[in-house]
């Protein structure tokens, strides 16, 4: 009966990312500002050990992520040796961290600031700041600076892919449809207005974003003519 009540309570608290974060804070978790939980119903933050969970500002937690701070595997030892050596660790996630879909952050993980964790990763131990990691077990694959260079290099290719996807949904693609990819063909002043009024998850509102160096085309029509 108690378990059923708890399930109902947790399900209600998972109706939105904001409610789930508030629930975890009430349970003892330390969670910073501007943290995003994209799919609360499909996310697990260790409810049995919330006081051992620390998550920094501007962190983004995507669907299917599991964050643990305890280990119940000692039950097997209890049945064999009659001992219960329970393990407990603090799990620390720094500021400005992106955790990809279906990743597992194991008990005792210590993730630095400005880290990207690829989808499906299993993280344990220490992950240094300003890195990108992925895999099972998660390993560092590049620095954040290197990841930025890759993003710049692939930006126009991504814009073309995004344009094609929009076009499959509707015949007439507008400049506004192209979201951040507008920086390829939009003047700096107009992009600054677009970014100022937009909301980008995990990005501080007062952060100055300059996409001027991404501009390659004079107009949206020039962009469309080039890809058709």
Protein backbone atom coordinates (compact mmCIF):
# COMPACT_ATOMS: atom_id res chain seq x y z
CA UNK A 1 0.00 0.00 0.00
CA UNK A 2 2.79 2.44 0.93
CA UNK A 3 4.64 1.66 -2.30
CA UNK A 4 1.48 2.32 -4.32
CA UNK A 5 1.01 5.69 -2.64
CA UNK A 6 4.65 6.59 -3.30
CA UNK A 7 4.30 5.62 -6.97
CA UNK A 8 1.23 7.84 -7.35
CA UNK A 9 3.02 10.71 -5.61
CA UNK A 10 6.14 10.41 -7.77
CA UNK A 11 4.08 10.08 -10.96
CA UNK A 12 2.25 13.30 -10.11
CA UNK A 13 5.54 15.04 -9.40
CA UNK A 14 6.81 13.89 -12.80
CA UNK A 15 4.08 15.67 -14.73
CA UNK A 16 6.66 18.29 -15.76
CA UNK A 17 10.37 18.87 -15.50
CA UNK A 18 9.86 21.82 -13.17
CA UNK A 19 7.72 19.78 -10.76
CA UNK A 20 10.21 16.91 -10.77
CA UNK A 21 13.10 19.24 -9.98
CA UNK A 22 11.08 20.79 -7.13
CA UNK A 23 10.26 17.30 -5.83
CA UNK A 24 13.92 16.28 -5.87
CA UNK A 25 14.92 19.48 -4.08
CA UNK A 26 12.35 18.82 -1.35
CA UNK A 27 13.88 15.36 -0.95
CA UNK A 28 17.31 16.85 -0.33
CA UNK A 29 18.91 17.12 -3.78
CA UNK A 30 21.03 20.18 -4.49
CA UNK A 31 20.01 21.47 -7.93
CA UNK A 32 21.10 24.78 -9.41
CA UNK A 33 19.32 27.37 -11.53
CA UNK A 34 18.13 26.95 -15.11
CA UNK A 35 18.30 23.14 -14.99
CA UNK A 36 16.15 21.42 -17.63
CA UNK A 37 14.58 17.96 -17.38
CA UNK A 38 13.13 17.32 -20.83
CA UNK A 39 11.05 14.22 -20.07
CA UNK A 40 10.43 13.86 -16.36
CA UNK A 41 8.31 10.70 -16.70
CA UNK A 42 11.23 8.97 -18.42
CA UNK A 43 13.94 10.30 -16.11
CA UNK A 44 15.13 8.79 -12.82
CA UNK A 45 17.02 10.77 -10.22
CA UNK A 46 17.76 8.43 -7.31
CA UNK A 47 14.75 9.12 -5.05
CA UNK A 48 16.22 6.96 -2.26
CA UNK A 49 19.38 9.08 -1.99
CA UNK A 50 18.43 12.59 -3.09
CA UNK A 51 20.60 14.20 -0.42
CA UNK A 52 23.61 12.73 -2.25
CA UNK A 53 22.70 14.29 -5.63
CA UNK A 54 24.33 17.57 -6.71
CA UNK A 55 23.48 19.17 -10.09
CA UNK A 56 24.89 22.53 -11.21
CA UNK A 57 23.35 25.49 -13.05
CA UNK A 58 22.31 25.27 -16.73
CA UNK A 59 22.48 21.48 -16.86
CA UNK A 60 20.21 19.67 -19.33
CA UNK A 61 18.90 16.17 -18.60
CA UNK A 62 17.31 14.48 -21.60
CA UNK A 63 14.84 11.57 -21.83
CA UNK A 64 15.72 8.21 -20.31
CA UNK A 65 18.57 9.48 -18.13
CA UNK A 66 19.22 7.70 -14.82
CA UNK A 67 21.24 9.37 -12.05
CA UNK A 68 22.21 7.11 -9.15
CA UNK A 69 23.80 7.71 -5.75
CA UNK A 70 23.50 4.28 -4.10
CA UNK A 71 24.01 0.62 -4.93
CA UNK A 72 21.75 -2.23 -3.74
CA UNK A 73 23.84 -5.04 -5.20
CA UNK A 74 25.09 -5.87 -1.71
CA UNK A 75 21.88 -7.87 -1.28
CA UNK A 76 23.57 -10.70 -3.21
CA UNK A 77 26.39 -10.73 -0.67
CA UNK A 78 23.86 -10.88 2.13
CA UNK A 79 22.43 -14.11 0.79
CA UNK A 80 25.86 -15.72 0.36
CA UNK A 81 28.02 -14.33 3.18
CA UNK A 82 25.50 -12.96 5.64
CA UNK A 83 27.02 -9.48 5.36
CA UNK A 84 25.56 -6.25 3.98
CA UNK A 85 28.42 -3.90 2.92
CA UNK A 86 26.17 -1.14 1.56
CA UNK A 87 27.89 1.44 -0.65
CA UNK A 88 26.99 5.14 -0.69
CA UNK A 89 28.59 7.98 -2.63
CA UNK A 90 27.80 11.56 -3.59
CA UNK A 91 27.05 11.96 -7.29
CA UNK A 92 28.14 15.36 -8.56
CA UNK A 93 27.21 16.92 -11.90
CA UNK A 94 28.77 20.31 -12.60
CA UNK A 95 27.48 23.45 -14.27
CA UNK A 96 26.52 23.64 -17.94
CA UNK A 97 26.40 19.89 -18.54
CA UNK A 98 24.39 18.18 -21.28
CA UNK A 99 23.44 14.54 -20.57
CA UNK A 100 22.38 12.67 -23.72
CA UNK A 101 19.37 10.38 -23.96
CA UNK A 102 19.36 7.06 -22.05
CA UNK A 103 22.64 7.76 -20.28
CA UNK A 104 23.33 6.32 -16.83
CA UNK A 105 25.28 8.31 -14.26
CA UNK A 106 26.49 5.79 -11.71
CA UNK A 107 26.92 6.31 -7.98
CA UNK A 108 29.96 8.40 -7.11
CA UNK A 109 30.39 9.98 -10.53
CA UNK A 110 31.96 13.42 -10.47
CA UNK A 111 31.32 15.35 -13.70
CA UNK A 112 33.03 18.69 -14.15
CA UNK A 113 31.67 21.90 -15.67
CA UNK A 114 30.96 22.39 -19.39
CA UNK A 115 30.69 18.71 -20.24
CA UNK A 116 28.74 16.96 -23.02
CA UNK A 117 27.79 13.33 -22.40
CA UNK A 118 26.79 11.41 -25.51
CA UNK A 119 23.54 9.43 -25.71
CA UNK A 120 23.59 5.96 -24.18
CA UNK A 121 26.71 6.58 -22.09
CA UNK A 122 27.45 4.87 -18.78
CA UNK A 123 29.41 7.27 -16.61
CA UNK A 124 31.47 6.42 -13.55
CA UNK A 125 34.39 8.06 -11.79
CA UNK A 126 35.62 11.54 -12.67
CA UNK A 127 34.95 13.37 -15.94
CA UNK A 128 37.06 16.54 -16.27
CA UNK A 129 35.61 19.92 -17.19
CA UNK A 130 35.44 21.15 -20.79
CA UNK A 131 35.27 17.72 -22.39
CA UNK A 132 32.97 15.55 -24.48
CA UNK A 133 32.58 11.92 -23.46
CA UNK A 134 30.57 8.95 -24.69
CA UNK A 135 30.34 5.18 -24.59
CA UNK A 136 30.02 2.30 -22.12
CA UNK A 137 32.06 2.91 -20.12
CA UNK A 138 32.11 6.60 -20.99
CA UNK A 139 35.47 7.86 -22.24
CA UNK A 140 36.66 11.28 -23.31
CA UNK A 141 36.45 11.61 -27.09
CA UNK A 142 37.47 15.26 -27.53
CA UNK A 143 37.81 18.60 -25.81
CA UNK A 144 35.03 21.18 -25.84
CA UNK A 145 37.16 23.38 -28.14
CA UNK A 146 37.48 20.52 -30.62
CA UNK A 147 33.73 19.90 -30.44
CA UNK A 148 33.09 23.56 -31.28
CA UNK A 149 35.28 23.27 -34.38
CA UNK A 150 33.30 20.20 -35.48
CA UNK A 151 30.04 22.07 -34.92
CA UNK A 152 31.18 25.01 -37.01
CA UNK A 153 32.36 22.72 -39.80
CA UNK A 154 29.08 20.80 -39.93
CA UNK A 155 26.74 23.75 -39.37
CA UNK A 156 25.81 24.40 -42.99
CA UNK A 157 25.34 20.68 -43.67
CA UNK A 158 22.98 20.56 -40.70
CA UNK A 159 21.11 23.62 -42.01
CA UNK A 160 20.57 21.93 -45.36
CA UNK A 161 19.29 18.79 -43.63
CA UNK A 162 16.95 20.85 -41.44
CA UNK A 163 15.64 22.75 -44.49
CA UNK A 164 14.91 19.46 -46.28
CA UNK A 165 13.04 18.17 -43.25
CA UNK A 166 10.85 21.28 -43.03
CA UNK A 167 10.17 21.08 -46.76
CA UNK A 168 8.89 17.50 -46.37
CA UNK A 169 6.28 18.83 -43.96
CA UNK A 170 5.22 21.87 -45.99
CA UNK A 171 5.95 23.25 -49.42
CA UNK A 172 6.96 26.79 -48.54
CA UNK A 173 9.85 27.11 -46.10
CA UNK A 174 10.23 30.58 -44.59
CA UNK A 175 13.24 32.30 -43.11
CA UNK A 176 11.61 32.09 -39.67
CA UNK A 177 11.33 28.30 -40.00
CA UNK A 178 15.12 27.98 -40.01
CA UNK A 179 15.58 28.86 -36.32
CA UNK A 180 19.28 29.31 -35.41
CA UNK A 181 20.31 28.32 -38.96
CA UNK A 182 19.09 31.77 -40.00
CA UNK A 183 22.56 32.98 -39.03
CA UNK A 184 23.78 31.66 -42.40
CA UNK A 185 21.90 34.41 -44.25
CA UNK A 186 20.62 36.96 -41.72
CA UNK A 187 22.25 40.25 -40.75
CA UNK A 188 23.84 40.47 -37.31
CA UNK A 189 21.33 43.00 -35.93
CA UNK A 190 18.35 40.84 -36.93
CA UNK A 191 19.96 37.70 -35.48
CA UNK A 192 20.62 39.52 -32.23
CA UNK A 193 16.92 40.42 -31.99
CA UNK A 194 15.91 36.84 -32.78
CA UNK A 195 18.21 35.42 -30.11
CA UNK A 196 17.24 38.07 -27.54
CA UNK A 197 13.55 37.15 -27.78
CA UNK A 198 14.13 33.41 -28.12
CA UNK A 199 14.52 30.87 -25.34
CA UNK A 200 17.29 28.33 -25.66
CA UNK A 201 17.28 25.59 -23.03
CA UNK A 202 20.39 25.64 -20.87
CA UNK A 203 21.55 29.06 -22.12
CA UNK A 204 21.48 31.94 -19.69
CA UNK A 205 19.17 34.74 -20.82
CA UNK A 206 21.83 37.43 -20.43
CA UNK A 207 24.46 35.46 -22.35
CA UNK A 208 25.68 37.31 -25.44
CA UNK A 209 25.45 35.09 -28.50
CA UNK A 210 27.27 36.21 -31.65
CA UNK A 211 26.60 34.15 -34.79
CA UNK A 212 28.00 36.72 -37.23
CA UNK A 213 30.90 34.49 -38.27
CA UNK A 214 28.44 31.84 -39.48
CA UNK A 215 26.96 34.06 -42.17
CA UNK A 216 27.73 32.83 -45.70
CA UNK A 217 24.82 34.07 -47.85
CA UNK A 218 23.48 37.58 -48.36
CA UNK A 219 19.83 36.52 -48.28
CA UNK A 220 17.57 33.55 -47.60
CA UNK A 221 16.87 33.30 -51.34
CA UNK A 222 20.60 32.94 -52.03
CA UNK A 223 20.70 30.07 -49.55
CA UNK A 224 17.71 28.33 -51.16
CA UNK A 225 19.09 28.75 -54.66
CA UNK A 226 22.38 27.23 -53.60
CA UNK A 227 20.84 24.07 -52.17
CA UNK A 228 18.27 23.47 -54.92
